[in-house]
Amino acid sequence: QRSSWSKPPNNMPNPIVESFAVPPLGCNCTIIGDPESKDACVVDPGGNVNEILNKLESKGLTLKRVLITHGHLDHIMGGKELKEKTNCEIIMNQHDLGLYEKVAEQCRDFGVASLVAGESLPKPDAFVSDGDVVQWAPSYSVKCIHCPGHTPGSTSYYFEEAKLVCPGDTLFCGSVGRTSWAGIPSLQGTSDSQELLGSIKHKLFGLPDETVVVSGHGEHTSIGDEKKHNPYVR
């Protein structure tokens, strides 16, 4: 389902934006494309790579970069096939590399089918840090906001021209990311609830109120609505 986004500044055309849930755990995958150059990036390709590729093709887009918000299995599993088929770059924060490399252990703990035995996810092509700005198309860029808490390297991607942020599982509509992993050995000790709340209050809540929030799961919201109504962040 296509959403409408506000007109970007300087009379640039609206970026092409589409978000949709993908397996194995219903992560929201987001395609953002430049209607002029046809360059595109994909945030959190959890799975269903054929659907992602079909949507890119239907819009005439060429995938250049995969942006990973954090290293949990449901946000990263499609990256391998996407890279093999498009030669795109995979970008993430280095603090989550340990989680990313332990995807097989995560799959075991969550009862999810893993990669073929002996295979691993491709090494990321680049690591981003807090405040980095990545030019993903000739006229468009994305700001990387390090938001630790749900994971050590959780990163929110702020597309200013689209007035859109993809925070992964840091912030949800009316909720916040999980930080307790009882019974999940592969994620033990990787989250911090106070750090999570600090990331939301001091980083995400500094974005303009009208910024659309495409969370890692569930319905979309806005920064303004979460500042007013989110019961976990006061």
Protein backbone atom coordinates (compact mmCIF):
# COMPACT_ATOMS: atom_id res chain seq x y z
CA GLN A 1 0.00 0.00 0.00
CA ARG A 2 1.48 3.33 -1.11
CA SER A 3 1.57 6.15 1.39
CA SER A 4 1.63 9.86 0.62
CA TRP A 5 4.54 11.92 1.83
CA SER A 6 5.00 15.67 1.98
CA LYS A 7 6.60 17.50 -0.93
CA PRO A 8 10.37 17.84 -0.48
CA PRO A 9 12.05 21.25 -0.60
CA ASN A 10 13.49 23.04 -3.63
CA ASN A 11 10.80 21.71 -5.98
CA MET A 12 12.40 18.28 -6.08
CA PRO A 13 9.95 15.50 -6.93
CA ASN A 14 8.62 13.33 -4.14
CA PRO A 15 10.82 10.32 -3.44
CA ILE A 16 9.14 7.02 -4.23
CA VAL A 17 8.33 5.37 -0.88
CA GLU A 18 6.75 2.01 -0.16
CA SER A 19 6.74 0.01 3.08
CA PHE A 20 5.45 -3.53 3.46
CA ALA A 21 5.78 -6.38 5.94
CA VAL A 22 8.10 -9.26 5.05
CA PRO A 23 8.79 -12.68 6.58
CA PRO A 24 9.94 -14.31 8.75
CA LEU A 25 8.62 -12.10 11.59
CA GLY A 26 6.66 -9.32 9.87
CA CYS A 27 9.41 -6.70 9.72
CA ASN A 28 8.50 -3.54 7.80
CA CYS A 29 10.77 -3.33 4.76
CA THR A 30 10.95 0.10 3.10
CA ILE A 31 11.91 1.00 -0.46
CA ILE A 32 12.92 4.61 -1.09
CA GLY A 33 13.67 5.66 -4.65
CA ASP A 34 14.68 8.72 -6.64
CA PRO A 35 12.09 9.19 -9.44
CA GLU A 36 14.68 10.94 -11.63
CA SER A 37 17.90 8.92 -11.32
CA LYS A 38 15.97 5.73 -10.44
CA ASP A 39 18.53 4.95 -7.71
CA ALA A 40 17.00 3.26 -4.66
CA CYS A 41 17.79 1.98 -1.21
CA VAL A 42 16.01 -0.65 0.85
CA VAL A 43 15.76 -0.51 4.63
CA ASP A 44 15.61 -3.83 6.52
CA PRO A 45 15.11 -6.56 3.89
CA GLY A 46 14.06 -9.33 6.27
CA GLY A 47 12.93 -11.74 3.59
CA ASN A 48 10.67 -12.32 0.59
CA VAL A 49 13.38 -11.03 -1.73
CA ASN A 50 11.36 -11.76 -4.88
CA GLU A 51 8.65 -9.35 -3.70
CA ILE A 52 11.26 -6.67 -2.97
CA LEU A 53 12.83 -7.13 -6.41
CA ASN A 54 9.42 -7.12 -8.13
CA LYS A 55 8.47 -3.86 -6.44
CA LEU A 56 11.78 -2.27 -7.43
CA GLU A 57 11.34 -3.44 -11.02
CA SER A 58 7.74 -2.26 -11.24
CA LYS A 59 8.92 1.23 -10.33
CA GLY A 60 11.93 1.09 -12.66
CA LEU A 61 14.31 1.42 -9.72
CA THR A 62 17.90 0.18 -9.37
CA LEU A 63 18.90 -0.94 -5.89
CA LYS A 64 22.17 0.65 -4.80
CA ARG A 65 22.17 0.25 -1.01
CA VAL A 66 20.64 -1.86 1.74
CA LEU A 67 20.41 0.01 5.05
CA ILE A 68 20.19 -2.22 8.12
CA THR A 69 18.71 -0.68 11.27
CA HIS A 70 20.00 -3.45 13.54
CA GLY A 71 21.38 -6.96 13.50
CA HIS A 72 18.32 -9.03 14.39
CA LEU A 73 17.52 -11.86 12.01
CA ASP A 74 14.15 -10.55 10.80
CA HIS A 75 15.72 -7.32 9.52
CA ILE A 76 18.74 -8.78 7.71
CA MET A 77 18.01 -12.21 6.21
CA GLY A 78 17.19 -10.98 2.69
CA GLY A 79 20.43 -9.03 2.35
CA LYS A 80 22.41 -11.99 1.01
CA GLU A 81 20.13 -12.70 -1.94
CA LEU A 82 19.63 -9.01 -2.71
CA LYS A 83 23.39 -8.48 -2.89
CA GLU A 84 23.85 -11.55 -5.08
CA LYS A 85 21.18 -10.37 -7.52
CA THR A 86 21.82 -6.60 -7.59
CA ASN A 87 25.40 -6.11 -6.32
CA CYS A 88 24.06 -3.52 -3.86
CA GLU A 89 26.07 -2.28 -0.88
CA ILE A 90 25.06 -3.37 2.63
CA ILE A 91 25.42 -0.67 5.28
CA MET A 92 25.01 -0.88 9.06
CA ASN A 93 26.52 0.26 12.37
CA GLN A 94 29.59 -1.72 13.39
CA HIS A 95 28.35 -2.18 16.98
CA ASP A 96 25.79 -4.71 15.66
CA LEU A 97 28.25 -6.74 13.60
CA GLY A 98 28.41 -9.40 16.32
CA LEU A 99 24.64 -9.91 16.13
CA TYR A 100 24.68 -9.87 12.34
CA GLU A 101 27.34 -12.58 12.26
CA LYS A 102 25.36 -14.75 14.71
CA VAL A 103 22.24 -14.94 12.55
CA ALA A 104 22.29 -18.77 12.64
CA GLU A 105 22.15 -18.76 16.46
CA GLN A 106 19.30 -16.23 16.39
CA CYS A 107 17.37 -18.39 13.93
CA ARG A 108 17.84 -21.39 16.23
CA ASP A 109 16.54 -19.46 19.25
CA PHE A 110 13.48 -18.11 17.40
CA GLY A 111 12.69 -21.35 15.56
CA VAL A 112 13.18 -19.73 12.17
CA ALA A 113 14.69 -21.46 9.13
CA SER A 114 18.30 -20.34 8.79
CA LEU A 115 20.63 -19.95 5.85
CA VAL A 116 21.84 -23.07 4.08
CA ALA A 117 24.37 -24.91 6.24
CA GLY A 118 27.84 -23.50 5.81
CA GLU A 119 26.60 -20.21 4.33
CA SER A 120 26.78 -16.82 6.03
CA LEU A 121 25.53 -13.31 5.37
CA PRO A 122 27.85 -11.17 3.23
CA LYS A 123 30.19 -8.87 5.09
CA PRO A 124 28.82 -5.31 5.22
CA ASP A 125 30.36 -3.00 2.62
CA ALA A 126 30.45 0.01 4.93
CA PHE A 127 29.77 0.97 8.53
CA VAL A 128 27.98 4.17 9.52
CA SER A 129 28.29 6.16 12.73
CA ASP A 130 26.07 8.69 14.48
CA GLY A 131 25.58 11.78 12.34
CA ASP A 132 26.89 10.30 9.10
CA VAL A 133 25.08 11.46 5.97
CA VAL A 134 24.91 9.00 3.07
CA GLN A 135 24.16 10.29 -0.42
CA TRP A 136 21.95 7.52 -1.79
CA ALA A 137 20.93 9.32 -5.01
CA PRO A 138 22.17 12.47 -6.77
CA SER A 139 19.59 14.73 -5.09
CA TYR A 140 18.84 12.79 -1.91
CA SER A 141 20.66 11.82 1.27
CA VAL A 142 19.91 9.99 4.51
CA LYS A 143 21.14 10.89 7.98
CA CYS A 144 22.26 8.03 10.23
CA ILE A 145 21.26 8.42 13.88
CA HIS A 146 22.85 5.94 16.29
CA CYS A 147 20.11 4.94 18.77
CA PRO A 148 21.53 2.23 21.04
CA GLY A 149 19.30 0.35 23.47
CA HIS A 150 17.34 -2.32 21.62
CA THR A 151 20.73 -3.38 20.28
CA PRO A 152 24.17 -1.76 20.67
CA GLY A 153 24.27 -0.58 17.06
CA SER A 154 20.61 0.27 16.40
CA THR A 155 20.53 3.05 13.82
CA SER A 156 17.61 5.20 12.69
CA TYR A 157 17.67 6.41 9.08
CA TYR A 158 16.24 9.92 8.61
CA PHE A 159 15.22 10.79 5.06
CA GLU A 160 14.77 14.53 5.44
CA GLU A 161 13.45 15.14 1.91
CA ALA A 162 10.72 12.55 2.50
CA LYS A 163 10.08 13.70 6.10
CA LEU A 164 10.46 10.07 7.07
CA VAL A 165 12.48 8.11 9.65
CA CYS A 166 13.03 4.35 9.83
CA PRO A 167 14.02 3.61 13.46
CA GLY A 168 13.93 -0.17 13.25
CA ASP A 169 12.73 -1.59 16.57
CA THR A 170 13.71 1.42 18.69
CA LEU A 171 10.33 3.21 18.54
CA PHE A 172 6.86 1.89 17.74
CA CYS A 173 3.40 3.39 17.56
CA GLY A 174 2.53 3.63 21.26
CA SER A 175 5.43 1.44 22.35
CA VAL A 176 9.22 1.00 22.40
CA GLY A 177 11.67 -1.73 21.52
CA ARG A 178 12.13 -4.91 23.51
CA THR A 179 15.10 -5.08 25.88
CA SER A 180 14.45 -8.36 27.76
CA TRP A 181 15.55 -11.62 26.16
CA ALA A 182 14.79 -14.35 28.70
CA GLY A 183 15.07 -17.73 26.98
CA ILE A 184 16.89 -16.26 23.96
CA PRO A 185 20.59 -17.07 24.56
CA SER A 186 21.86 -15.41 21.37
CA LEU A 187 20.49 -12.00 22.48
CA GLN A 188 21.28 -12.13 26.20
CA GLY A 189 22.96 -8.95 27.44
CA THR A 190 22.63 -7.07 24.16
CA SER A 191 19.94 -4.55 25.19
CA ASP A 192 19.63 -1.70 27.70
CA SER A 193 16.24 -0.17 28.54
CA GLN A 194 17.57 3.13 29.90
CA GLU A 195 19.82 3.57 26.88
CA LEU A 196 16.81 2.89 24.63
CA LEU A 197 14.68 5.56 26.30
CA GLY A 198 17.57 8.02 26.12
CA SER A 199 17.94 7.39 22.39
CA ILE A 200 14.26 8.11 21.85
CA LYS A 201 14.08 11.21 24.05
CA HIS A 202 17.35 12.84 23.07
CA LYS A 203 17.69 11.80 19.43
CA LEU A 204 14.46 10.73 17.75
CA PHE A 205 12.31 13.26 19.59
CA GLY A 206 14.60 15.98 18.25
CA LEU A 207 13.28 15.38 14.73
CA PRO A 208 10.42 17.56 13.42
CA ASP A 209 7.00 16.59 14.79
CA GLU A 210 5.62 15.94 11.30
CA THR A 211 8.25 13.27 10.58
CA VAL A 212 6.57 10.00 9.61
CA VAL A 213 7.87 7.03 11.62
CA VAL A 214 8.00 3.71 9.77
CA SER A 215 8.78 1.41 12.67
CA GLY A 216 10.29 -2.05 12.38
CA HIS A 217 6.89 -3.66 12.95
CA GLY A 218 3.26 -2.55 13.01
CA GLU A 219 1.58 0.63 11.91
CA HIS A 220 3.19 3.94 11.02
CA THR A 221 3.10 6.91 13.39
CA SER A 222 4.74 10.35 13.67
CA ILE A 223 7.31 11.89 15.98
CA GLY A 224 4.73 14.42 17.20
CA ASP A 225 2.17 11.74 18.06
CA GLU A 226 4.72 9.68 19.97
CA LYS A 227 5.95 12.70 21.93
CA LYS A 228 2.36 13.37 22.99
CA HIS A 229 0.97 9.88 23.51
CA ASN A 230 3.67 7.21 23.93
CA PRO A 231 3.19 5.90 27.51
CA TYR A 232 6.73 4.49 27.76
CA VAL A 233 8.51 7.77 27.08
CA ARG A 234 7.73 10.57 29.53
